[in-house]
Amino acid sequence: MMNRLKQRRSQTVLFFLIIVLSIGFQGCFSTHIPWPFAPAQQSSHPTPAPCPGNAQDFSRARALAGNGQYKQALTLASQLAHSPCLSHRRPEALMLIGDIYMAWGRPLDAFYFYLDASEFTGNQAEAANALSALPTSDIIYVVTRTVPHRIQPGLLNLTAQIKAEKGLYDQAAQIARHMGMPEPVPGSGPLSRAGNITGQPPYDNPPGTPRRIGVLLPLTGYYQSGGQRALSAIRMAMADLGRDIELVVMDTQSSPAKAVEEVQQLDQRQVCCIIGPMVKPGPAAQQAQLSQIPMVMLSQTPSIPETGRFLFRNFITPETQIRTAVNYAMSAYGYRNFAVMYPKDKYGNVFMQTFTTLVPELGGKVTDIRSYKPGQVDFAGQIKPMIKGYRTKGKDGKMLTVSNANKEKRNKLYRAITNFDALFIPDSPKTVAMIAPQLKYHGIGSVMLMGTNLWHSDSLLSAAPYIQGAIFTNGLDPQREKVKRFCEQYIKKGQKPAGYIEAAAYDSMAAILSILQSGQAMSRHQVADGLQSINYRNCLTCPIRFDARGEPSSPLNVFQIKGDEIVLVRSCTNAN
């Protein structure tokens, strides 16, 4: 985008520079203006200097553009913009140039001339209209990188307003949300985030009519096991907490396309909100946003909630795991330098990218990054490059650096020198149990190991001697009494032992029921407002609350390996 923008702007500037220079030379020669150091010509009857362009040329330029002769139209319009005799009409000429570029299908070029005109008129409507023809990401880039800061908020707000008036509600919300501005309502001034882009949504509750909650889950197909378990938990929440609520269950058949159709059906059924989907939720989420149905997704798929104000996620994500773990390592141990060693697969890549992005934001530094192939068993090739030297204990008990010549003679008392305090390994307990002893063998035994919720397994304890002090995060603490009771009830209903998926589904329903039963949510946008401001703490998992993007904002539980046990060292229920 940056190169394309610079190239486009340079081409436009060069084009108009040539035109302006040609106009300047024509004016100098035709009016006999003396060049510097040349003798002035005497005339008893000096002729008035003609100006390039005249009032009729405005109509001519528009006619040329109407016939598709855009270059000729721009040449004429530029003469009008720079004519000294028409300086009082310069804003009009700049607007004319913008109109020609819009007719030519070049809204970015049109934007800059409309913006120049607005410096005279104070009206940014045409500039915002040109911007609205661009993709949302380009709009944000262009305004934040090329427009004076003082006019950015107003220009973006107006652009979002126009997007909404065009029916592009999700794009309008994305612009407003990115800049931390209120979302617009067509035909009126801006509202707060509690407002609604198009006024009242279709959902309404006549007195005595049961309110409906839609459920989108994969009850058949490849992911049916997870979908059926989540549905059982949702029904448990309904039995425990629901009153006068109708559940409308749809089977996505593990198909994103099917999920889109079912969102449309749920819209016709007048549901107040939707729980789900779990699998590839993007298309269904887009339809829910278009239909203005609040949706609480049970999925890790990144970046979807931030595309619309009706979209939320209540599920553990790589971002929440890493943010919680790094914050704990920094606050509890003072660590600032981190490394990551990850498998080159989809899971590992997502966590590596999230880790390397978040650590600097949190005030830390990623000093080393190493990858390995899935299924690899020998990790010497990744471990050795991380070692910067060795130290050993001298006769006086102090640690001494070992010379290069003596490195091969190192023994188990030697300790490797690294440039990181903690090493993040986003992989399964089985792989970690192979990596940890090899780290110890090569002398890396004093750094903290960090992992993901996959580590929450007794199988990890097979490597307990090599992972003492290691930490990982999870959204569920199986030792909590509340969780134990839930798991017992879940099994009594003929189900397999419950885990995080079931708990998150139960909590999502419980949180929505708390909003509906408050009496303050009688329309879809009020349900969305309730979700945006919720701080539901009576959870099996961690407290439910969302940031401005619709992403979960509560920290997770932190667990640590101590002896041969997995111990909770920081509870999310006690976090702020």
Protein backbone atom coordinates (compact mmCIF):
# COMPACT_ATOMS: atom_id res chain seq x y z
CA MET A 1 0.00 0.00 0.00
CA MET A 2 2.81 2.41 0.91
CA ASN A 3 4.65 1.98 -2.41
CA ARG A 4 1.43 2.13 -4.40
CA LEU A 5 0.36 5.31 -2.62
CA LYS A 6 3.76 6.99 -3.10
CA GLN A 7 3.88 6.03 -6.77
CA ARG A 8 0.35 7.28 -7.40
CA ARG A 9 0.99 10.56 -5.58
CA SER A 10 4.31 11.09 -7.39
CA GLN A 11 2.71 10.50 -10.79
CA THR A 12 -0.06 12.97 -10.02
CA VAL A 13 2.35 15.63 -8.75
CA LEU A 14 4.63 15.20 -11.77
CA PHE A 15 1.72 15.47 -14.19
CA PHE A 16 0.48 18.72 -12.68
CA LEU A 17 3.99 20.13 -12.34
CA ILE A 18 4.50 19.79 -16.09
CA ILE A 19 1.15 21.47 -16.73
CA VAL A 20 1.87 24.31 -14.31
CA LEU A 21 5.32 24.95 -15.79
CA SER A 22 3.89 25.04 -19.30
CA ILE A 23 1.25 27.53 -18.14
CA GLY A 24 3.91 29.64 -16.47
CA PHE A 25 6.12 29.77 -19.57
CA GLN A 26 3.15 30.55 -21.81
CA GLY A 27 2.19 33.45 -19.56
CA CYS A 28 5.73 34.86 -19.45
CA PHE A 29 6.30 34.83 -23.19
CA SER A 30 2.84 35.87 -24.38
CA THR A 31 2.69 38.89 -22.08
CA HIS A 32 6.28 40.04 -22.73
CA ILE A 33 7.18 39.93 -19.04
CA PRO A 34 10.93 40.68 -18.88
CA TRP A 35 13.19 37.92 -17.64
CA PRO A 36 15.60 38.87 -14.87
CA PHE A 37 18.51 41.03 -15.97
CA ALA A 38 16.83 41.71 -19.38
CA PRO A 39 16.09 45.34 -20.33
CA ALA A 40 12.45 46.31 -19.96
CA GLN A 41 10.60 47.05 -23.21
CA GLN A 42 8.97 50.43 -23.49
CA SER A 43 5.48 50.79 -24.94
CA SER A 44 3.22 53.77 -25.01
CA HIS A 45 0.19 51.51 -25.16
CA PRO A 46 0.92 48.39 -23.10
CA THR A 47 -1.59 45.59 -23.76
CA PRO A 48 -3.28 43.91 -20.79
CA ALA A 49 -1.81 40.50 -19.95
CA PRO A 50 -4.26 37.75 -20.92
CA CYS A 51 -4.93 35.03 -18.34
CA PRO A 52 -4.89 31.36 -19.22
CA GLY A 53 -8.39 29.97 -18.95
CA ASN A 54 -11.73 31.70 -18.58
CA ALA A 55 -15.08 31.13 -16.93
CA GLN A 56 -16.47 29.20 -19.92
CA ASP A 57 -13.63 26.68 -19.59
CA PHE A 58 -15.28 25.18 -16.47
CA SER A 59 -18.12 23.95 -18.67
CA ARG A 60 -15.68 22.83 -21.37
CA ALA A 61 -13.68 20.77 -18.87
CA ARG A 62 -16.81 19.06 -17.60
CA ALA A 63 -17.92 18.33 -21.15
CA LEU A 64 -14.53 16.76 -21.96
CA ALA A 65 -14.75 14.58 -18.88
CA GLY A 66 -18.30 13.61 -19.81
CA ASN A 67 -16.98 12.37 -23.15
CA GLY A 68 -14.26 10.32 -21.49
CA GLN A 69 -11.45 12.73 -22.47
CA TYR A 70 -10.06 12.84 -18.96
CA LYS A 71 -6.49 13.96 -19.74
CA GLN A 72 -7.67 16.92 -21.80
CA ALA A 73 -10.19 17.78 -19.11
CA LEU A 74 -7.49 17.72 -16.43
CA THR A 75 -5.18 19.94 -18.50
CA LEU A 76 -7.90 22.54 -18.86
CA ALA A 77 -9.00 22.29 -15.23
CA SER A 78 -5.43 22.72 -14.01
CA GLN A 79 -5.14 25.93 -16.03
CA LEU A 80 -8.24 27.20 -14.27
CA ALA A 81 -6.84 26.27 -10.86
CA HIS A 82 -3.64 28.24 -11.45
CA SER A 83 -5.01 31.19 -13.43
CA PRO A 84 -4.29 34.48 -11.63
CA CYS A 85 -7.44 35.99 -13.11
CA LEU A 86 -9.59 33.23 -11.62
CA SER A 87 -7.98 32.99 -8.19
CA HIS A 88 -11.35 33.71 -6.60
CA ARG A 89 -12.61 30.48 -8.19
CA ARG A 90 -9.64 28.31 -7.23
CA PRO A 91 -11.67 26.16 -4.79
CA GLU A 92 -14.17 25.50 -7.56
CA ALA A 93 -11.35 24.52 -9.92
CA LEU A 94 -9.89 22.13 -7.36
CA MET A 95 -13.32 20.56 -6.91
CA LEU A 96 -13.57 20.26 -10.69
CA ILE A 97 -10.28 18.34 -10.80
CA GLY A 98 -11.58 16.05 -8.07
CA ASP A 99 -14.79 15.47 -10.03
CA ILE A 100 -12.82 14.55 -13.15
CA TYR A 101 -10.72 12.05 -11.24
CA MET A 102 -13.86 10.52 -9.72
CA ALA A 103 -15.40 10.19 -13.19
CA TRP A 104 -12.14 8.57 -14.30
CA GLY A 105 -12.45 5.99 -11.53
CA ARG A 106 -9.49 7.30 -9.50
CA PRO A 107 -10.95 8.19 -6.10
CA LEU A 108 -7.59 8.39 -4.31
CA ASP A 109 -6.39 11.16 -6.65
CA ALA A 110 -9.77 12.85 -6.37
CA PHE A 111 -9.50 12.78 -2.59
CA TYR A 112 -6.37 14.93 -2.47
CA PHE A 113 -7.88 17.70 -4.63
CA TYR A 114 -11.15 17.65 -2.70
CA LEU A 115 -9.09 17.91 0.48
CA ASP A 116 -7.19 20.92 -0.90
CA ALA A 117 -10.52 22.55 -1.77
CA SER A 118 -11.80 21.95 1.75
CA GLU A 119 -8.99 24.17 3.09
CA PHE A 120 -10.86 27.06 1.42
CA THR A 121 -14.45 25.97 1.96
CA GLY A 122 -14.21 24.07 5.25
CA ASN A 123 -16.43 21.34 3.75
CA GLN A 124 -14.89 17.86 3.73
CA ALA A 125 -17.95 16.03 2.39
CA GLU A 126 -16.56 15.43 -1.10
CA ALA A 127 -13.18 14.33 0.27
CA ALA A 128 -14.92 11.86 2.57
CA ASN A 129 -17.09 10.62 -0.30
CA ALA A 130 -13.99 9.90 -2.40
CA LEU A 131 -12.40 8.09 0.54
CA SER A 132 -15.49 5.96 0.98
CA ALA A 133 -14.81 4.38 -2.43
CA LEU A 134 -11.57 2.88 -1.08
CA PRO A 135 -11.11 -0.30 0.95
CA THR A 136 -11.27 0.32 4.69
CA SER A 137 -7.59 -0.55 5.25
CA ASP A 138 -6.56 1.97 2.56
CA ILE A 139 -8.76 4.67 4.09
CA ILE A 140 -7.15 4.29 7.50
CA TYR A 141 -3.65 4.23 5.99
CA VAL A 142 -4.18 7.28 3.75
CA VAL A 143 -5.72 9.42 6.49
CA THR A 144 -3.31 8.52 9.28
CA ARG A 145 -0.22 8.84 7.06
CA THR A 146 -0.99 11.78 4.74
CA VAL A 147 -3.65 14.00 6.36
CA PRO A 148 -2.93 16.64 9.04
CA HIS A 149 -3.69 15.24 12.47
CA ARG A 150 -6.06 18.07 13.36
CA ILE A 151 -8.61 17.05 10.71
CA GLN A 152 -8.24 13.26 10.87
CA PRO A 153 -11.06 12.54 13.39
CA GLY A 154 -13.67 14.62 11.59
CA LEU A 155 -12.72 13.27 8.17
CA LEU A 156 -12.82 9.65 9.31
CA ASN A 157 -16.10 10.15 11.13
CA LEU A 158 -17.66 11.63 8.01
CA THR A 159 -16.27 8.79 5.87
CA ALA A 160 -17.73 6.21 8.24
CA GLN A 161 -21.07 8.05 8.02
CA ILE A 162 -21.03 7.79 4.22
CA LYS A 163 -20.06 4.11 4.36
CA ALA A 164 -23.06 3.49 6.60
CA GLU A 165 -25.38 5.41 4.27
CA LYS A 166 -24.18 3.16 1.46
CA GLY A 167 -25.20 0.15 3.53
CA LEU A 168 -21.61 -0.84 4.34
CA TYR A 169 -22.31 -1.02 8.06
CA ASP A 170 -19.45 -3.30 9.04
CA GLN A 171 -16.92 -1.12 7.22
CA ALA A 172 -18.32 2.00 8.85
CA ALA A 173 -18.04 0.39 12.27
CA GLN A 174 -14.50 -0.78 11.52
CA ILE A 175 -13.37 2.77 10.69
CA ALA A 176 -14.99 4.21 13.81
CA ARG A 177 -13.67 1.42 16.02
CA HIS A 178 -10.12 1.70 14.68
CA MET A 179 -9.94 5.39 15.53
CA GLY A 180 -11.75 5.00 18.86
CA MET A 181 -14.64 7.13 17.60
CA PRO A 182 -18.39 6.70 18.05
CA GLU A 183 -20.17 4.84 15.30
CA PRO A 184 -22.32 6.93 12.94
CA VAL A 185 -26.04 6.99 12.27
CA PRO A 186 -27.04 7.96 8.70
CA GLY A 187 -28.67 11.34 8.49
CA SER A 188 -27.74 12.43 11.99
CA GLY A 189 -24.79 13.30 14.14
CA PRO A 190 -22.52 10.68 15.68
CA LEU A 191 -23.75 8.45 18.48
CA SER A 192 -21.85 6.70 21.22
CA ARG A 193 -20.87 3.05 20.75
CA ALA A 194 -24.11 2.19 22.51
CA GLY A 195 -25.87 3.60 19.47
CA ASN A 196 -26.77 1.81 16.28
CA ILE A 197 -25.78 2.49 12.69
CA THR A 198 -29.22 2.13 11.16
CA GLY A 199 -31.59 2.79 14.01
CA GLN A 200 -33.69 0.03 15.56
CA PRO A 201 -32.85 -3.46 14.30
CA PRO A 202 -35.66 -5.83 13.32
CA TYR A 203 -35.74 -7.82 16.60
CA ASP A 204 -38.49 -6.86 19.01
CA ASN A 205 -40.22 -8.54 21.96
CA PRO A 206 -43.99 -8.15 22.18
CA PRO A 207 -45.19 -8.65 25.77
CA GLY A 208 -45.46 -12.32 26.70
CA THR A 209 -43.54 -13.57 23.65
CA PRO A 210 -40.68 -15.90 24.59
CA ARG A 211 -37.34 -14.49 23.62
CA ARG A 212 -35.32 -16.63 21.26
CA ILE A 213 -31.60 -17.40 21.30
CA GLY A 214 -30.07 -18.98 18.23
CA VAL A 215 -27.40 -21.68 18.43
CA LEU A 216 -25.10 -22.47 15.48
CA LEU A 217 -23.02 -25.60 16.09
CA PRO A 218 -21.57 -28.47 14.03
CA LEU A 219 -23.87 -31.28 15.17
CA THR A 220 -22.97 -33.47 12.20
CA GLY A 221 -19.88 -33.66 10.04
CA TYR A 222 -16.20 -33.67 10.93
CA TYR A 223 -16.51 -31.47 14.04
CA GLN A 224 -19.75 -32.95 15.39
CA SER A 225 -18.19 -34.21 18.64
CA GLY A 226 -17.25 -30.71 19.82
CA GLY A 227 -20.56 -29.27 18.65
CA GLN A 228 -22.66 -31.85 20.46
CA ARG A 229 -20.69 -31.41 23.68
CA ALA A 230 -21.13 -27.62 23.51
CA LEU A 231 -24.87 -28.00 22.88
CA SER A 232 -25.24 -30.25 25.93
CA ALA A 233 -23.58 -27.57 28.07
CA ILE A 234 -25.78 -24.82 26.60
CA ARG A 235 -28.89 -26.84 27.44
CA MET A 236 -27.56 -27.34 30.96
CA ALA A 237 -27.30 -23.58 31.34
CA MET A 238 -30.84 -23.17 30.03
CA ALA A 239 -32.11 -25.72 32.56
CA ASP A 240 -30.20 -24.03 35.40
CA LEU A 241 -30.82 -20.38 34.55
CA GLY A 242 -33.23 -19.92 31.64
CA ARG A 243 -36.74 -18.55 32.07
CA ASP A 244 -39.16 -17.85 29.21
CA ILE A 245 -36.38 -18.36 26.70
CA GLU A 246 -36.71 -20.39 23.50
CA LEU A 247 -33.61 -22.06 22.07
CA VAL A 248 -33.45 -22.28 18.25
CA VAL A 249 -30.75 -24.84 17.38
CA MET A 250 -29.22 -25.06 13.91
CA ASP A 251 -26.77 -27.68 12.65
CA THR A 252 -24.03 -26.09 10.54
CA GLN A 253 -22.96 -29.58 9.39
CA SER A 254 -19.37 -28.32 9.85
CA SER A 255 -19.93 -26.16 6.72
CA PRO A 256 -19.31 -22.37 6.66
CA ALA A 257 -21.72 -21.98 3.72
CA LYS A 258 -24.47 -23.80 5.62
CA ALA A 259 -23.84 -21.56 8.62
CA VAL A 260 -24.50 -18.45 6.50
CA GLU A 261 -27.87 -19.83 5.38
CA GLU A 262 -28.78 -20.59 8.96
CA VAL A 263 -27.92 -17.09 10.15
CA GLN A 264 -30.45 -15.84 7.61
CA GLN A 265 -33.02 -18.33 8.92
CA LEU A 266 -32.33 -17.26 12.51
CA ASP A 267 -32.85 -13.67 11.42
CA GLN A 268 -36.30 -14.63 10.13
CA ARG A 269 -36.99 -16.43 13.41
CA GLN A 270 -36.31 -13.12 15.17
CA VAL A 271 -33.62 -14.44 17.53
CA CYS A 272 -32.11 -11.82 19.82
CA CYS A 273 -28.58 -13.23 19.52
CA ILE A 274 -26.57 -16.26 18.39
CA ILE A 275 -24.11 -18.52 20.19
CA GLY A 276 -21.59 -20.01 17.77
CA PRO A 277 -20.35 -20.98 15.32
CA MET A 278 -17.27 -23.01 16.23
CA VAL A 279 -15.75 -23.81 12.81
CA LYS A 280 -14.54 -21.19 10.29
CA PRO A 281 -16.95 -18.55 11.60
CA GLY A 282 -15.97 -15.74 9.20
CA PRO A 283 -18.79 -16.00 6.62
CA ALA A 284 -21.47 -16.55 9.26
CA ALA A 285 -20.12 -13.64 11.31
CA GLN A 286 -20.27 -11.37 8.27
CA GLN A 287 -23.91 -12.33 7.73
CA ALA A 288 -24.71 -11.77 11.41
CA GLN A 289 -23.15 -8.32 11.27
CA LEU A 290 -25.12 -7.51 8.12
CA SER A 291 -28.32 -8.69 9.81
CA GLN A 292 -27.36 -6.90 13.05
CA ILE A 293 -27.65 -10.02 15.19
CA PRO A 294 -25.28 -10.13 18.19
CA MET A 295 -23.07 -13.22 17.84
CA VAL A 296 -20.88 -14.81 20.53
CA MET A 297 -18.44 -17.10 18.71
CA LEU A 298 -16.81 -20.17 20.23
CA SER A 299 -13.77 -20.08 17.97
CA GLN A 300 -10.10 -19.10 17.97
CA THR A 301 -10.13 -17.78 14.38
CA PRO A 302 -8.33 -14.40 14.66
CA SER A 303 -9.53 -10.87 13.87
CA ILE A 304 -13.21 -11.65 13.19
CA PRO A 305 -14.91 -9.79 16.08
CA GLU A 306 -13.21 -6.49 15.23
CA THR A 307 -15.00 -6.40 11.85
CA GLY A 308 -18.32 -5.42 13.42
CA ARG A 309 -19.97 -4.13 16.59
CA PHE A 310 -22.36 -7.11 16.81
CA LEU A 311 -19.56 -9.69 16.90
CA PHE A 312 -17.93 -11.09 20.05
CA ARG A 313 -15.72 -14.01 20.95
CA ASN A 314 -15.85 -16.01 24.19
CA PHE A 315 -13.03 -18.47 23.69
CA ILE A 316 -9.40 -18.82 24.66
CA THR A 317 -7.09 -17.30 22.02
CA PRO A 318 -3.35 -17.20 21.36
CA GLU A 319 -3.38 -13.50 22.26
CA THR A 320 -4.96 -13.97 25.69
CA GLN A 321 -2.66 -16.90 26.48
CA ILE A 322 0.52 -15.07 25.55
CA ARG A 323 -0.52 -11.77 27.11
CA THR A 324 -1.31 -13.51 30.41
CA ALA A 325 1.89 -15.60 30.49
CA VAL A 326 4.24 -12.76 29.54
CA ASN A 327 2.64 -10.37 32.01
CA TYR A 328 3.09 -12.97 34.74
CA ALA A 329 6.75 -13.63 33.85
CA MET A 330 7.43 -9.89 33.90
CA SER A 331 5.55 -9.04 37.10
CA ALA A 332 6.46 -12.11 39.17
CA TYR A 333 10.06 -12.59 38.00
CA GLY A 334 11.08 -9.33 36.37
CA TYR A 335 11.89 -11.04 33.08
CA ARG A 336 12.21 -8.88 29.98
CA ASN A 337 14.06 -11.02 27.40
CA PHE A 338 12.20 -13.86 25.71
CA ALA A 339 12.88 -16.48 23.04
CA VAL A 340 10.52 -18.73 21.10
CA MET A 341 11.10 -22.24 19.74
CA TYR A 342 8.15 -23.39 17.67
CA PRO A 343 7.01 -26.11 15.22
CA LYS A 344 6.66 -25.02 11.60
CA ASP A 345 2.98 -25.88 11.35
CA LYS A 346 -0.19 -23.78 11.47
CA TYR A 347 -0.47 -23.89 15.26
CA GLY A 348 3.17 -23.02 15.84
CA ASN A 349 3.21 -20.23 13.26
CA VAL A 350 0.15 -18.52 14.76
CA PHE A 351 1.60 -18.58 18.26
CA MET A 352 5.06 -17.47 17.09
CA GLN A 353 3.63 -14.50 15.20
CA THR A 354 1.39 -13.52 18.09
CA PHE A 355 4.25 -13.90 20.57
CA THR A 356 6.72 -11.78 18.60
CA THR A 357 4.06 -9.09 18.16
CA LEU A 358 2.83 -8.93 21.76
CA VAL A 359 6.09 -9.16 23.71
CA PRO A 360 7.41 -5.76 22.50
CA GLU A 361 3.99 -4.19 23.12
CA LEU A 362 4.15 -5.43 26.72
CA GLY A 363 7.62 -3.94 27.25
CA GLY A 364 9.72 -7.04 26.59
CA LYS A 365 12.12 -8.10 23.87
CA VAL A 366 12.26 -11.21 21.69
CA THR A 367 15.96 -12.05 21.44
CA ASP A 368 15.89 -15.42 19.67
CA ILE A 369 13.52 -17.30 17.34
CA ARG A 370 14.05 -20.95 16.37
CA SER A 371 11.78 -23.30 14.40
CA TYR A 372 11.73 -27.06 13.92
CA LYS A 373 9.86 -29.55 11.78
CA PRO A 374 6.79 -31.30 13.23
CA GLY A 375 7.76 -34.80 14.32
CA GLN A 376 11.39 -33.86 14.88
CA VAL A 377 13.12 -35.67 17.79
CA ASP A 378 16.67 -34.24 17.80
CA PHE A 379 16.70 -30.51 18.61
CA ALA A 380 20.45 -29.90 18.86
CA GLY A 381 20.33 -27.86 15.65
CA GLN A 382 17.92 -25.42 17.27
CA ILE A 383 19.43 -25.40 20.77
CA LYS A 384 23.14 -24.91 20.02
CA PRO A 385 22.73 -21.59 18.11
CA MET A 386 20.89 -20.15 21.13
CA ILE A 387 23.96 -20.67 23.34
CA LYS A 388 26.32 -17.68 23.49
CA GLY A 389 28.92 -19.26 25.78
CA TYR A 390 29.35 -21.28 29.00
CA ARG A 391 30.03 -20.58 32.64
CA THR A 392 31.11 -22.82 35.49
CA LYS A 393 31.57 -22.44 39.22
CA GLY A 394 35.09 -21.51 40.31
CA LYS A 395 36.90 -22.55 43.49
CA ASP A 396 35.58 -19.48 45.28
CA GLY A 397 32.01 -20.37 44.36
CA LYS A 398 31.62 -17.60 41.78
CA MET A 399 30.54 -18.31 38.20
CA LEU A 400 33.32 -18.01 35.64
CA THR A 401 33.04 -17.74 31.86
CA VAL A 402 34.60 -20.71 30.08
CA SER A 403 37.05 -19.92 27.28
CA ASN A 404 36.31 -21.13 23.77
CA ALA A 405 39.19 -23.59 24.01
CA ASN A 406 37.63 -25.31 27.01
CA LYS A 407 34.03 -25.42 25.78
CA GLU A 408 34.35 -29.01 24.57
CA LYS A 409 35.53 -30.05 28.02
CA ARG A 410 32.41 -28.83 29.71
CA ASN A 411 30.65 -31.16 32.15
CA LYS A 412 27.31 -31.18 33.92
CA LEU A 413 28.41 -28.30 36.15
CA TYR A 414 28.72 -25.98 33.18
CA ARG A 415 25.83 -23.65 32.43
CA ALA A 416 25.01 -22.22 29.04
CA ILE A 417 24.91 -18.44 28.53
CA THR A 418 21.83 -17.24 26.66
CA ASN A 419 20.37 -13.82 25.90
CA PHE A 420 16.87 -14.67 27.16
CA ASP A 421 15.19 -15.27 30.52
CA ALA A 422 12.29 -17.40 29.29
CA LEU A 423 11.74 -19.76 26.35
CA PHE A 424 8.26 -20.13 24.83
CA ILE A 425 7.48 -23.54 23.25
CA PRO A 426 3.96 -23.69 21.73
CA ASP A 427 3.69 -27.45 21.24
CA SER A 428 2.21 -30.61 22.75
CA PRO A 429 3.34 -32.17 26.05
CA LYS A 430 4.85 -35.08 24.10
CA THR A 431 7.17 -32.78 22.12
CA VAL A 432 8.01 -30.63 25.14
CA ALA A 433 8.96 -33.79 27.04
CA MET A 434 11.56 -34.44 24.32
CA ILE A 435 12.87 -30.86 24.07
CA ALA A 436 13.28 -30.14 27.80
CA PRO A 437 15.88 -32.88 28.55
CA GLN A 438 17.90 -31.80 25.53
CA LEU A 439 17.91 -28.21 26.75
CA LYS A 440 19.23 -29.46 30.08
CA TYR A 441 21.88 -31.60 28.38
CA HIS A 442 23.24 -28.57 26.52
CA GLY A 443 23.34 -26.53 29.72
CA ILE A 444 20.15 -24.48 29.30
CA GLY A 445 18.58 -25.26 32.62
CA SER A 446 18.13 -21.91 34.32
CA VAL A 447 15.63 -20.29 31.92
CA MET A 448 11.90 -20.44 32.50
CA LEU A 449 9.93 -22.52 30.00
CA MET A 450 6.54 -21.19 28.88
CA GLY A 451 3.77 -23.03 27.07
CA THR A 452 0.14 -22.99 25.96
CA ASN A 453 -3.01 -24.59 27.30
CA LEU A 454 -1.95 -27.81 25.54
CA TRP A 455 0.48 -28.27 28.43
CA HIS A 456 -2.40 -28.73 30.87
CA SER A 457 -2.03 -32.51 30.88
CA ASP A 458 -0.66 -35.03 33.35
CA SER A 459 1.44 -36.44 30.49
CA LEU A 460 3.62 -33.33 30.77
CA LEU A 461 4.71 -34.45 34.24
CA SER A 462 6.77 -37.28 32.70
CA ALA A 463 9.37 -34.54 32.08
CA ALA A 464 8.91 -32.90 35.51
CA PRO A 465 12.64 -32.99 36.47
CA TYR A 466 13.46 -30.90 33.39
CA ILE A 467 10.60 -28.39 33.46
CA GLN A 468 10.55 -27.20 37.07
CA GLY A 469 9.15 -23.67 37.29
CA ALA A 470 7.64 -23.83 33.78
CA ILE A 471 4.40 -21.89 33.33
CA PHE A 472 1.41 -22.05 31.01
CA THR A 473 -2.09 -20.59 30.91
CA ASN A 474 -5.59 -21.97 30.59
CA GLY A 475 -9.14 -20.67 30.84
CA LEU A 476 -10.34 -23.47 33.10
CA ASP A 477 -9.16 -24.51 36.56
CA PRO A 478 -10.32 -28.12 37.04
CA GLN A 479 -9.67 -27.94 40.81
CA ARG A 480 -12.25 -25.21 41.45
CA GLU A 481 -15.25 -26.51 43.37
CA LYS A 482 -17.66 -24.85 40.96
CA VAL A 483 -15.96 -26.56 38.02
CA LYS A 484 -15.94 -29.92 39.80
CA ARG A 485 -19.70 -29.71 40.42
CA PHE A 486 -20.34 -28.81 36.80
CA CYS A 487 -18.24 -31.74 35.58
CA GLU A 488 -20.11 -34.13 37.89
CA GLN A 489 -23.50 -32.92 36.63
CA TYR A 490 -22.29 -33.12 33.03
CA ILE A 491 -21.24 -36.76 33.45
CA LYS A 492 -24.52 -37.62 35.19
CA LYS A 493 -26.33 -36.58 32.02
CA GLY A 494 -24.55 -39.38 30.19
CA GLN A 495 -21.78 -37.23 28.75
CA LYS A 496 -18.04 -37.71 28.64
CA PRO A 497 -15.90 -35.65 31.08
CA ALA A 498 -16.27 -31.95 30.38
CA GLY A 499 -13.44 -29.61 29.37
CA TYR A 500 -12.95 -26.01 28.28
CA ILE A 501 -15.31 -26.17 25.28
CA GLU A 502 -18.25 -27.24 27.42
CA ALA A 503 -17.46 -24.69 30.12
CA ALA A 504 -17.15 -21.82 27.61
CA ALA A 505 -20.46 -22.78 25.99
CA TYR A 506 -22.20 -22.90 29.39
CA ASP A 507 -20.73 -19.53 30.39
CA SER A 508 -21.71 -17.91 27.08
CA MET A 509 -25.33 -18.89 27.57
CA ALA A 510 -25.27 -17.86 31.24
CA ALA A 511 -23.86 -14.43 30.36
CA ILE A 512 -26.49 -13.82 27.67
CA LEU A 513 -29.26 -14.91 30.02
CA SER A 514 -28.00 -12.43 32.62
CA ILE A 515 -28.38 -9.64 30.05
CA LEU A 516 -31.86 -10.70 28.94
CA GLN A 517 -33.12 -11.16 32.49
CA SER A 518 -31.92 -7.71 33.51
CA GLY A 519 -34.89 -6.20 31.70
CA GLN A 520 -32.62 -3.73 29.90
CA ALA A 521 -32.24 -5.64 26.62
CA MET A 522 -35.39 -5.53 24.52
CA SER A 523 -33.76 -5.29 21.10
CA ARG A 524 -30.74 -6.69 19.33
CA HIS A 525 -28.68 -3.55 19.61
CA GLN A 526 -29.41 -3.45 23.36
CA VAL A 527 -28.19 -7.04 23.64
CA ALA A 528 -25.02 -6.00 21.79
CA ASP A 529 -24.63 -3.05 24.16
CA GLY A 530 -25.04 -5.40 27.10
CA LEU A 531 -22.33 -7.70 25.79
CA GLN A 532 -19.99 -4.80 25.10
CA SER A 533 -20.25 -3.60 28.70
CA ILE A 534 -20.63 -6.95 30.46
CA ASN A 535 -18.40 -8.05 33.34
CA TYR A 536 -19.90 -11.46 34.13
CA ARG A 537 -17.93 -13.12 36.92
CA ASN A 538 -20.13 -16.07 37.92
CA CYS A 539 -18.26 -18.24 35.44
CA LEU A 540 -16.81 -21.71 35.15
CA THR A 541 -14.03 -20.23 33.04
CA CYS A 542 -12.60 -16.73 33.47
CA PRO A 543 -14.78 -13.61 33.86
CA ILE A 544 -16.50 -12.61 30.62
CA ARG A 545 -15.78 -9.13 29.39
CA PHE A 546 -14.85 -7.77 25.99
CA ASP A 547 -12.56 -5.05 24.71
CA ALA A 548 -13.55 -2.53 22.05
CA ARG A 549 -12.83 -5.10 19.35
CA GLY A 550 -15.20 -7.68 20.81
CA GLU A 551 -12.27 -9.84 21.94
CA PRO A 552 -12.06 -11.37 25.44
CA SER A 553 -10.16 -9.02 27.75
CA SER A 554 -9.92 -11.04 30.97
CA PRO A 555 -6.55 -12.62 31.81
CA LEU A 556 -6.38 -16.40 32.11
CA ASN A 557 -5.30 -18.73 34.90
CA VAL A 558 -1.54 -19.24 35.25
CA PHE A 559 -0.26 -22.71 36.18
CA GLN A 560 3.27 -23.74 37.13
CA ILE A 561 5.15 -27.03 37.42
CA LYS A 562 6.23 -27.51 41.04
CA GLY A 563 7.67 -30.88 41.96
CA ASP A 564 5.48 -33.49 40.34
CA GLU A 565 2.35 -31.33 40.36
CA ILE A 566 0.63 -28.71 38.23
CA VAL A 567 -0.13 -25.83 40.59
CA LEU A 568 -2.37 -22.78 40.07
CA VAL A 569 -0.20 -19.73 40.83
CA ARG A 570 -2.52 -16.96 39.62
CA SER A 571 -6.29 -17.28 39.33
CA CYS A 572 -8.17 -15.34 36.69
CA THR A 573 -11.16 -15.05 39.03
CA ASN A 574 -9.05 -12.91 41.37
CA ALA A 575 -7.56 -10.74 38.59
CA ASN A 576 -8.78 -7.23 37.97
